[in-house]
N, C-alpha and C. Protein backbone atom coordinates (compact mmCIF):
# COMPACT_ATOMS: atom_id res chain seq x y z
N UNK A 1 -15.16 220.34 282.04
CA UNK A 1 -14.74 219.76 283.31
C UNK A 1 -14.90 218.24 283.30
N UNK A 2 -16.05 217.77 282.77
CA UNK A 2 -16.28 216.33 282.72
C UNK A 2 -15.22 215.64 281.86
N UNK A 3 -14.84 216.31 280.77
CA UNK A 3 -13.82 215.73 279.89
C UNK A 3 -12.49 215.56 280.61
N UNK A 4 -12.12 216.53 281.42
CA UNK A 4 -10.87 216.43 282.17
C UNK A 4 -10.91 215.26 283.15
N UNK A 5 -12.04 215.09 283.81
CA UNK A 5 -12.18 213.98 284.76
C UNK A 5 -12.11 212.65 284.03
N UNK A 6 -12.80 212.55 282.90
CA UNK A 6 -12.78 211.31 282.12
C UNK A 6 -11.37 211.00 281.64
N UNK A 7 -10.67 212.02 281.15
CA UNK A 7 -9.30 211.82 280.67
C UNK A 7 -8.39 211.39 281.81
N UNK A 8 -8.53 212.03 282.96
CA UNK A 8 -7.70 211.66 284.11
C UNK A 8 -7.99 210.24 284.57
N UNK A 9 -9.27 209.85 284.57
CA UNK A 9 -9.62 208.48 284.96
C UNK A 9 -9.05 207.48 283.97
N UNK A 10 -9.09 207.81 282.69
CA UNK A 10 -8.54 206.90 281.68
C UNK A 10 -7.03 206.76 281.84
N UNK A 11 -6.36 207.87 282.10
CA UNK A 11 -4.92 207.81 282.32
C UNK A 11 -4.58 206.99 283.55
N UNK A 12 -5.32 207.22 284.62
CA UNK A 12 -5.10 206.47 285.85
C UNK A 12 -5.32 204.99 285.62
N UNK A 13 -6.41 204.65 284.92
CA UNK A 13 -6.70 203.24 284.64
C UNK A 13 -5.60 202.63 283.78
N UNK A 14 -5.10 203.41 282.84
CA UNK A 14 -4.02 202.91 281.99
C UNK A 14 -2.75 202.62 282.76
N UNK A 15 -2.41 203.52 283.68
CA UNK A 15 -1.22 203.30 284.51
C UNK A 15 -1.43 202.16 285.48
N UNK A 16 -2.63 202.02 286.01
CA UNK A 16 -2.91 200.97 286.98
C UNK A 16 -2.85 199.60 286.33
N UNK A 17 -3.24 199.51 285.07
CA UNK A 17 -3.24 198.23 284.38
C UNK A 17 -1.89 197.89 283.76
N UNK A 18 -1.01 198.82 283.71
CA UNK A 18 0.30 198.64 283.09
C UNK A 18 1.24 197.93 284.06
N UNK A 19 1.38 196.61 283.87
CA UNK A 19 2.28 195.85 284.73
C UNK A 19 3.72 196.07 284.27
N UNK A 20 4.61 196.07 285.23
CA UNK A 20 6.02 196.22 284.90
C UNK A 20 6.49 194.97 284.19
N UNK A 21 7.15 195.15 283.06
CA UNK A 21 7.65 194.02 282.30
C UNK A 21 8.88 193.44 282.99
N UNK A 22 8.90 192.13 283.09
CA UNK A 22 10.03 191.45 283.74
C UNK A 22 11.19 191.41 282.75
N UNK A 23 12.37 191.83 283.18
CA UNK A 23 13.53 191.82 282.29
C UNK A 23 13.90 190.41 281.84
N UNK A 24 14.59 190.34 280.73
CA UNK A 24 15.06 189.06 280.21
C UNK A 24 16.03 188.44 281.22
N UNK A 25 15.94 187.12 281.36
CA UNK A 25 16.83 186.42 282.29
C UNK A 25 16.31 186.36 283.71
N UNK A 26 15.08 186.85 283.93
CA UNK A 26 14.45 186.80 285.24
C UNK A 26 13.29 185.82 285.17
N UNK A 27 13.19 184.95 286.15
CA UNK A 27 12.09 183.99 286.18
C UNK A 27 10.77 184.70 286.39
N UNK A 28 9.71 184.14 285.81
CA UNK A 28 8.37 184.69 286.06
C UNK A 28 8.00 184.44 287.52
N UNK A 29 7.00 185.14 287.99
CA UNK A 29 6.56 184.93 289.38
C UNK A 29 6.13 183.48 289.58
N UNK A 30 5.40 182.92 288.61
CA UNK A 30 4.93 181.54 288.74
C UNK A 30 6.10 180.56 288.83
N UNK A 31 7.09 180.75 287.96
CA UNK A 31 8.26 179.86 287.97
C UNK A 31 9.04 180.04 289.26
N UNK A 32 9.13 181.27 289.74
CA UNK A 32 9.84 181.54 290.99
C UNK A 32 9.17 180.80 292.14
N UNK A 33 7.85 180.82 292.17
CA UNK A 33 7.12 180.10 293.22
C UNK A 33 7.41 178.61 293.14
N UNK A 34 7.36 178.05 291.94
CA UNK A 34 7.63 176.62 291.76
C UNK A 34 9.02 176.24 292.28
N UNK A 35 10.01 177.03 291.91
CA UNK A 35 11.38 176.74 292.33
C UNK A 35 11.52 176.90 293.85
N UNK A 36 10.95 177.97 294.40
CA UNK A 36 11.04 178.19 295.85
C UNK A 36 10.38 177.07 296.64
N UNK A 37 9.28 176.55 296.15
CA UNK A 37 8.62 175.43 296.83
C UNK A 37 9.60 174.27 296.94
N UNK A 38 10.21 173.90 295.82
CA UNK A 38 11.13 172.77 295.84
C UNK A 38 12.41 173.06 296.62
N UNK A 39 12.87 174.31 296.59
CA UNK A 39 14.04 174.69 297.39
C UNK A 39 13.74 174.47 298.88
N UNK A 40 12.57 174.93 299.31
CA UNK A 40 12.22 174.79 300.73
C UNK A 40 11.97 173.33 301.11
N UNK A 41 11.41 172.55 300.20
CA UNK A 41 11.24 171.12 300.47
C UNK A 41 12.61 170.44 300.59
N UNK A 42 13.55 170.81 299.74
CA UNK A 42 14.90 170.25 299.81
C UNK A 42 15.58 170.64 301.12
N UNK A 43 15.43 171.90 301.52
CA UNK A 43 16.01 172.34 302.79
C UNK A 43 15.41 171.56 303.96
N UNK A 44 14.11 171.36 303.92
CA UNK A 44 13.45 170.61 304.99
C UNK A 44 13.91 169.16 305.03
N UNK A 45 14.07 168.57 303.85
CA UNK A 45 14.53 167.19 303.79
C UNK A 45 15.94 167.05 304.36
N UNK A 46 16.83 167.91 303.93
CA UNK A 46 18.21 167.84 304.42
C UNK A 46 18.26 168.09 305.93
N UNK A 47 17.47 169.02 306.41
CA UNK A 47 17.50 169.31 307.85
C UNK A 47 16.89 168.19 308.68
N UNK A 48 16.13 167.30 308.04
CA UNK A 48 15.54 166.18 308.78
C UNK A 48 16.49 164.99 308.90
N UNK A 49 17.58 165.00 308.14
CA UNK A 49 18.54 163.91 308.21
C UNK A 49 19.26 163.94 309.56
N UNK A 50 19.51 162.77 310.12
CA UNK A 50 20.22 162.73 311.42
C UNK A 50 21.73 162.87 311.23
N UNK A 51 22.13 164.02 310.71
CA UNK A 51 23.55 164.28 310.47
C UNK A 51 23.92 165.63 311.07
N UNK A 52 25.21 165.84 311.23
CA UNK A 52 25.69 167.11 311.77
C UNK A 52 25.43 168.25 310.79
N UNK A 53 25.36 169.44 311.34
CA UNK A 53 25.10 170.64 310.54
C UNK A 53 26.12 170.79 309.42
N UNK A 54 27.40 170.55 309.72
CA UNK A 54 28.44 170.68 308.70
C UNK A 54 28.19 169.72 307.53
N UNK A 55 27.75 168.53 307.85
CA UNK A 55 27.48 167.54 306.80
C UNK A 55 26.28 167.96 305.96
N UNK A 56 25.27 168.52 306.61
CA UNK A 56 24.09 168.96 305.86
C UNK A 56 24.43 170.12 304.93
N UNK A 57 25.37 170.96 305.34
CA UNK A 57 25.80 172.08 304.48
C UNK A 57 26.53 171.56 303.24
N UNK A 58 27.19 170.42 303.37
CA UNK A 58 27.87 169.82 302.23
C UNK A 58 26.85 169.13 301.33
N UNK A 59 25.86 168.51 301.93
CA UNK A 59 24.86 167.74 301.19
C UNK A 59 23.84 168.62 300.47
N UNK A 60 23.45 169.72 301.08
CA UNK A 60 22.37 170.55 300.52
C UNK A 60 22.61 171.02 299.08
N UNK A 61 23.81 171.46 298.71
CA UNK A 61 23.99 171.92 297.32
C UNK A 61 23.64 170.86 296.27
N UNK A 62 23.79 169.59 296.59
CA UNK A 62 23.41 168.53 295.65
C UNK A 62 21.89 168.53 295.45
N UNK A 63 21.16 168.67 296.53
CA UNK A 63 19.70 168.73 296.46
C UNK A 63 19.26 170.00 295.72
N UNK A 64 19.91 171.10 296.02
CA UNK A 64 19.58 172.36 295.36
C UNK A 64 19.81 172.25 293.86
N UNK A 65 20.91 171.63 293.46
CA UNK A 65 21.20 171.44 292.05
C UNK A 65 20.13 170.60 291.37
N UNK A 66 19.62 169.58 292.06
CA UNK A 66 18.54 168.76 291.51
C UNK A 66 17.28 169.59 291.28
N UNK A 67 17.01 170.51 292.17
CA UNK A 67 15.85 171.41 292.00
C UNK A 67 16.05 172.25 290.74
N UNK A 68 17.23 172.80 290.56
CA UNK A 68 17.49 173.62 289.39
C UNK A 68 17.39 172.79 288.10
N UNK A 69 17.89 171.56 288.13
CA UNK A 69 17.77 170.69 286.96
C UNK A 69 16.31 170.38 286.67
N UNK A 70 15.55 170.09 287.70
CA UNK A 70 14.12 169.76 287.54
C UNK A 70 13.38 170.90 286.85
N UNK A 71 13.71 172.12 287.21
CA UNK A 71 12.99 173.29 286.69
C UNK A 71 13.71 173.93 285.49
N UNK A 72 14.80 173.31 285.05
CA UNK A 72 15.58 173.82 283.91
C UNK A 72 15.98 175.28 284.14
N UNK A 73 16.55 175.52 285.31
CA UNK A 73 16.97 176.85 285.74
C UNK A 73 18.40 176.75 286.25
N UNK A 74 19.21 177.72 285.93
CA UNK A 74 20.57 177.74 286.49
C UNK A 74 20.56 178.45 287.84
N UNK A 75 21.56 178.15 288.64
CA UNK A 75 21.63 178.82 289.95
C UNK A 75 21.81 180.32 289.79
N UNK A 76 22.53 180.74 288.74
CA UNK A 76 22.74 182.18 288.54
C UNK A 76 21.44 182.89 288.15
N UNK A 77 20.61 182.24 287.34
CA UNK A 77 19.32 182.84 286.97
C UNK A 77 18.41 182.90 288.20
N UNK A 78 18.44 181.86 289.02
CA UNK A 78 17.62 181.88 290.23
C UNK A 78 18.07 183.01 291.16
N UNK A 79 19.37 183.12 291.39
CA UNK A 79 19.88 184.17 292.28
C UNK A 79 19.59 185.57 291.73
N UNK A 80 19.76 185.73 290.43
CA UNK A 80 19.46 187.02 289.80
C UNK A 80 17.97 187.35 289.94
N UNK A 81 17.12 186.35 289.77
CA UNK A 81 15.68 186.54 289.90
C UNK A 81 15.31 186.87 291.34
N UNK A 82 15.92 186.19 292.28
CA UNK A 82 15.66 186.45 293.69
C UNK A 82 16.05 187.89 294.04
N UNK A 83 17.20 188.31 293.58
CA UNK A 83 17.65 189.69 293.82
C UNK A 83 16.68 190.69 293.19
N UNK A 84 16.22 190.39 291.98
CA UNK A 84 15.29 191.28 291.28
C UNK A 84 13.99 191.43 292.07
N UNK A 85 13.41 190.30 292.48
CA UNK A 85 12.13 190.36 293.19
C UNK A 85 12.27 190.95 294.60
N UNK A 86 13.43 190.82 295.19
CA UNK A 86 13.62 191.39 296.53
C UNK A 86 13.66 192.92 296.50
N UNK A 87 13.82 193.50 295.34
CA UNK A 87 13.79 194.96 295.22
C UNK A 87 12.36 195.50 295.32
N UNK A 88 11.38 194.62 295.11
CA UNK A 88 9.97 195.02 295.18
C UNK A 88 9.31 194.18 296.28
N UNK A 89 9.20 194.74 297.46
CA UNK A 89 8.75 193.99 298.63
C UNK A 89 7.33 193.44 298.45
N UNK A 90 6.46 194.17 297.77
CA UNK A 90 5.09 193.69 297.57
C UNK A 90 5.07 192.45 296.69
N UNK A 91 5.86 192.47 295.64
CA UNK A 91 5.93 191.31 294.76
C UNK A 91 6.55 190.13 295.50
N UNK A 92 7.60 190.38 296.26
CA UNK A 92 8.24 189.30 297.00
C UNK A 92 7.30 188.74 298.06
N UNK A 93 6.54 189.59 298.71
CA UNK A 93 5.53 189.11 299.67
C UNK A 93 4.51 188.22 298.98
N UNK A 94 4.08 188.63 297.80
CA UNK A 94 3.10 187.84 297.05
C UNK A 94 3.69 186.48 296.65
N UNK A 95 4.93 186.49 296.19
CA UNK A 95 5.59 185.24 295.81
C UNK A 95 5.70 184.31 297.01
N UNK A 96 6.12 184.85 298.15
CA UNK A 96 6.29 184.00 299.33
C UNK A 96 4.95 183.58 299.92
N UNK A 97 3.93 184.39 299.80
CA UNK A 97 2.60 183.98 300.27
C UNK A 97 2.13 182.78 299.47
N UNK A 98 2.33 182.82 298.16
CA UNK A 98 1.95 181.68 297.31
C UNK A 98 2.81 180.46 297.62
N UNK A 99 4.09 180.68 297.87
CA UNK A 99 4.99 179.57 298.19
C UNK A 99 4.56 178.90 299.49
N UNK A 100 4.29 179.70 300.50
CA UNK A 100 3.88 179.16 301.81
C UNK A 100 2.54 178.43 301.70
N UNK A 101 1.59 179.01 300.96
CA UNK A 101 0.31 178.34 300.76
C UNK A 101 0.50 176.97 300.11
N UNK A 102 1.36 176.92 299.10
CA UNK A 102 1.62 175.66 298.41
C UNK A 102 2.32 174.66 299.33
N UNK A 103 3.23 175.13 300.15
CA UNK A 103 3.90 174.23 301.10
C UNK A 103 2.91 173.68 302.13
N UNK A 104 1.93 174.48 302.52
CA UNK A 104 0.89 173.99 303.43
C UNK A 104 0.07 172.89 302.76
N UNK A 105 -0.22 173.05 301.48
CA UNK A 105 -0.97 172.03 300.74
C UNK A 105 -0.16 170.74 300.68
N UNK A 106 1.13 170.86 300.39
CA UNK A 106 2.01 169.68 300.35
C UNK A 106 2.04 169.00 301.71
N UNK A 107 2.16 169.79 302.76
CA UNK A 107 2.21 169.24 304.12
C UNK A 107 0.92 168.51 304.46
N UNK A 108 -0.22 169.08 304.11
CA UNK A 108 -1.51 168.43 304.40
C UNK A 108 -1.67 167.15 303.61
N UNK A 109 -1.16 167.14 302.38
CA UNK A 109 -1.24 165.93 301.56
C UNK A 109 -0.37 164.82 302.14
N UNK A 110 0.75 165.18 302.72
CA UNK A 110 1.65 164.18 303.31
C UNK A 110 1.18 163.72 304.68
N UNK A 111 0.49 164.60 305.40
CA UNK A 111 0.00 164.30 306.75
C UNK A 111 -1.50 164.60 306.82
N UNK A 112 -2.33 163.73 306.22
CA UNK A 112 -3.76 164.04 306.18
C UNK A 112 -4.45 164.08 307.54
N UNK A 113 -3.93 163.35 308.51
CA UNK A 113 -4.53 163.32 309.85
C UNK A 113 -3.50 163.71 310.90
N UNK A 114 -3.18 165.00 311.01
CA UNK A 114 -2.18 165.41 312.01
C UNK A 114 -2.71 165.20 313.42
N UNK A 115 -1.80 164.95 314.33
CA UNK A 115 -2.19 164.77 315.73
C UNK A 115 -2.63 166.10 316.30
N UNK A 116 -3.73 166.09 317.09
CA UNK A 116 -4.20 167.35 317.68
C UNK A 116 -3.29 167.87 318.76
């Protein structure tokens, strides 16, 4: 009986430690977080410009392209990676939690003394 329990625990531990391998052509979680941080910063920058919404929609793709160049990522790889991670809500939640935490750090660094 003890042997069966030990074997079952070992199998369970093996499955628990077995992370799903990311398919080729998909960004790692870390890289995805880095790109998303810059994507959201670019969106925030464009939305802060005193221009009409239509103009910002024309301008934003240029900023987005700069983000992709900075991270050496194509838009198709980013979109494919986003679609891949959106299939696993827990992973996507983790990615966005890290992204939001990093954006808060950037915000605090830019505004060290916010008004109360």
